[in-house]
C-alpha atoms as a PDB file:
ATOM      1  CA  ASP A   1       1.758   2.714   2.977  1.00  0.00           C
ATOM      2  CA  LEU A   2       5.352   3.855   3.350  1.00  0.00           C
ATOM      3  CA  LYS A   3       4.630   5.170   6.915  1.00  0.00           C
ATOM      4  CA  GLY A   4       2.978   1.874   7.713  1.00  0.00           C
ATOM      5  CA  LEU A   5       5.900   0.039   6.269  1.00  0.00           C
ATOM      6  CA  CYS A   6       8.497   2.099   8.208  1.00  0.00           C
ATOM      7  CA  ALA A   7       6.658   1.907  11.495  1.00  0.00           C
ATOM      8  CA  GLU A   8       6.242  -2.077  11.067  1.00  0.00           C
ATOM      9  CA  ALA A   9      10.004  -2.426  10.144  1.00  0.00           C
ATOM     10  CA  ALA A  10      10.852  -0.467  13.343  1.00  0.00           C
ATOM     11  CA  LEU A  11       8.641  -2.624  15.473  1.00  0.00           C
ATOM     12  CA  ASN A  12      10.261  -5.710  13.968  1.00  0.00           C
ATOM     13  CA  ALA A  13      13.655  -4.175  14.942  1.00  0.00           C
ATOM     14  CA  LEU A  14      12.266  -3.532  18.594  1.00  0.00           C
ATOM     15  CA  ARG A  15      10.867  -6.944  18.853  1.00  0.00           C
ATOM     16  CA  ARG A  16      14.228  -8.420  17.625  1.00  0.00           C
ATOM     17  CA  ARG A  17      16.412  -6.419  20.024  1.00  0.00           C
ATOM     18  CA  TYR A  18      13.995  -6.651  22.925  1.00  0.00           C
ATOM     19  CA  PRO A  19      11.852  -9.875  22.596  1.00  0.00           C
ATOM     20  CA  GLN A  20      10.903  -9.415  26.431  1.00  0.00           C
ATOM     21  CA  VAL A  21       8.628  -6.314  25.478  1.00  0.00           C
ATOM     22  CA  TYR A  22       5.876  -8.208  24.625  1.00  0.00           C
ATOM     23  CA  GLU A  23       6.067 -10.701  27.559  1.00  0.00           C
ATOM     24  CA  SER A  24       6.530  -8.351  30.489  1.00  0.00           C
ATOM     25  CA  SER A  25       3.794  -6.294  32.120  1.00  0.00           C
ATOM     26  CA  GLN A  26       6.554  -3.890  33.565  1.00  0.00           C
ATOM     27  CA  LYS A  27       7.708  -0.972  32.209  1.00  0.00           C
ATOM     28  CA  LEU A  28      11.071  -1.705  30.595  1.00  0.00           C
ATOM     29  CA  GLN A  29      14.167   0.719  30.109  1.00  0.00           C
ATOM     30  CA  ILE A  30      14.860   0.765  26.499  1.00  0.00           C
ATOM     31  CA  ASP A  31      18.034   1.968  24.660  1.00  0.00           C
ATOM     32  CA  LEU A  32      16.791   3.240  21.391  1.00  0.00           C
ATOM     33  CA  THR A  33      20.554   3.712  20.251  1.00  0.00           C
ATOM     34  CA  SER A  34      20.715  -0.068  20.441  1.00  0.00           C
ATOM     35  CA  VAL A  35      17.675  -0.728  18.254  1.00  0.00           C
ATOM     36  CA  SER A  36      18.873  -0.905  14.337  1.00  0.00           C
ATOM     37  CA  VAL A  37      16.353  -1.323  11.568  1.00  0.00           C
ATOM     38  CA  LEU A  38      17.737  -3.788   9.155  1.00  0.00           C
ATOM     39  CA  ARG A  39      16.865  -5.018   5.795  1.00  0.00           C
ATOM     40  CA  GLU A  40      15.430  -8.021   7.347  1.00  0.00           C
ATOM     41  CA  ASP A  41      13.034  -5.845   9.328  1.00  0.00           C
ATOM     42  CA  PHE A  42      11.788  -4.297   6.188  1.00  0.00           C
ATOM     43  CA  ASP A  43      11.527  -7.792   4.404  1.00  0.00           C
ATOM     44  CA  LYS A  44       9.357  -9.130   7.409  1.00  0.00           C
ATOM     45  CA  ALA A  45       7.265  -5.822   7.159  1.00  0.00           C
ATOM     46  CA  LEU A  46       6.684  -6.247   3.532  1.00  0.00           C
ATOM     47  CA  ARG A  47       5.580  -9.870   4.176  1.00  0.00           C
ATOM     48  CA  LYS A  48       3.098  -8.555   7.003  1.00  0.00           C
ATOM     49  CA  ILE A  49       1.584  -5.408   5.898  1.00  0.00           C
ATOM     50  CA  VAL A  50      -1.515  -5.178   3.430  1.00  0.00           C
ATOM     51  CA  PRO A  51      -1.107  -2.304   0.840  1.00  0.00           C
ATOM     52  CA  SER A  52      -3.840   0.297   0.965  1.00  0.00           C
ATOM     53  CA  THR A  53      -4.841  -0.746  -2.732  1.00  0.00           C
ATOM     54  CA  HIS A  54      -5.753  -4.203  -1.307  1.00  0.00           C
ATOM     55  CA  ARG A  55      -7.768  -3.162   1.614  1.00  0.00           C
ATOM     56  CA  VAL A  56     -10.519  -1.581  -0.654  1.00  0.00           C
ATOM     57  CA  GLU A  57     -14.044  -2.986   0.062  1.00  0.00           C
ATOM     58  CA  ASP A  58     -15.673  -4.975  -2.927  1.00  0.00           C
ATOM     59  CA  LYS A  59     -18.781  -2.627  -2.957  1.00  0.00           C
ATOM     60  CA  VAL A  60     -16.303   0.319  -3.790  1.00  0.00           C
ATOM     61  CA  LEU A  61     -15.288  -1.689  -6.966  1.00  0.00           C
ATOM     62  CA  SER A  62     -18.922  -2.748  -8.138  1.00  0.00           C
ATOM     63  CA  PRO A  63     -20.458  -1.084 -11.077  1.00  0.00           C
ATOM     64  CA  LEU A  64     -22.422   2.203 -10.884  1.00  0.00           C
ATOM     65  CA  PRO A  65     -25.822   1.897 -10.345  1.00  0.00           C
ATOM     66  CA  LYS A  66     -27.998   2.358 -13.639  1.00  0.00           C
ATOM     67  CA  HIS A  67     -29.530   5.475 -12.332  1.00  0.00           C
ATOM     68  CA  ILE A  68     -26.076   7.142 -11.713  1.00  0.00           C
ATOM     69  CA  LYS A  69     -24.486   6.109 -14.632  1.00  0.00           C
ATOM     70  CA  PRO A  70     -25.767   8.854 -17.218  1.00  0.00           C
ATOM     71  CA  LEU A  71     -24.992  11.669 -14.759  1.00  0.00           C
ATOM     72  CA  LEU A  72     -21.247  10.591 -14.762  1.00  0.00           C
ATOM     73  CA  GLU A  73     -20.724   8.936 -18.283  1.00  0.00           C
ATOM     74  CA  ALA A  74     -19.547  12.183 -19.960  1.00  0.00           C
ATOM     75  CA  THR A  75     -17.099  13.083 -17.004  1.00  0.00           C
ATOM     76  CA  TYR A  76     -15.877   9.394 -17.454  1.00  0.00           C
ATOM     77  CA  LEU A  77     -15.363   9.425 -21.121  1.00  0.00           C
ATOM     78  CA  ASN A  78     -13.607  12.762 -20.850  1.00  0.00           C
ATOM     79  CA  ILE A  79     -11.330  11.289 -18.395  1.00  0.00           C
ATOM     80  CA  VAL A  80     -10.502   8.165 -20.346  1.00  0.00           C
ATOM     81  CA  ALA A  81      -9.880  10.245 -23.245  1.00  0.00           C
ATOM     82  CA  ASN A  82      -7.170  12.291 -21.374  1.00  0.00           C
ATOM     83  CA  ILE A  83      -5.550   9.408 -19.959  1.00  0.00           C
ATOM     84  CA  LYS A  84      -5.282   7.970 -23.171  1.00  0.00           C
ATOM     85  CA  ARG A  85      -3.937  11.288 -24.760  1.00  0.00           C
ATOM     86  CA  ILE A  86      -1.459  11.480 -21.940  1.00  0.00           C
ATOM     87  CA  PHE A  87      -0.417   7.819 -21.629  1.00  0.00           C
ATOM     88  CA  PRO A  88      -0.922   6.390 -25.209  1.00  0.00           C
ATOM     89  CA  HIS A  89       0.392   3.237 -24.442  1.00  0.00           C
ATOM     90  CA  SER A  90      -2.304   2.676 -21.717  1.00  0.00           C
ATOM     91  CA  ALA A  91      -4.736   1.460 -24.172  1.00  0.00           C
ATOM     92  CA  ALA A  92      -2.403  -1.449 -25.163  1.00  0.00           C
ATOM     93  CA  GLY A  93      -3.509  -3.262 -21.915  1.00  0.00           C
ATOM     94  CA  LYS A  94      -1.609  -5.290 -19.510  1.00  0.00           C
ATOM     95  CA  GLY A  95       1.717  -7.061 -20.790  1.00  0.00           C
ATOM     96  CA  ALA A  96       2.080  -4.870 -23.790  1.00  0.00           C
ATOM     97  CA  VAL A  97       5.521  -4.147 -24.837  1.00  0.00           C
ATOM     98  CA  ILE A  98       6.232  -0.380 -25.082  1.00  0.00           C
ATOM     99  CA  PRO A  99       8.632   0.756 -27.766  1.00  0.00           C
ATOM    100  CA  HIS A 100      11.659   2.497 -26.654  1.00  0.00           C
END
């Protein structure tokens, strides 16, 4: 995600400095030292890119098929128990206030 964000910000800076790049069919001489990536380029990139967590297909998030569930249930319960042990506040749910 960070690599994609940085690449998009660099392209935004390039488009800002050389808007003719996408309008010309000729090879253009570009001075890369004149291209500066600014915060506005990152802001624009943040609005454009889709995080990898939001690109997941719905079928990946669907429940396990009934015939597979018994095979993975012990492993699943073990993972959940370890997460609760390592991160005790994870069981409190979203929006819970964690004491300092």
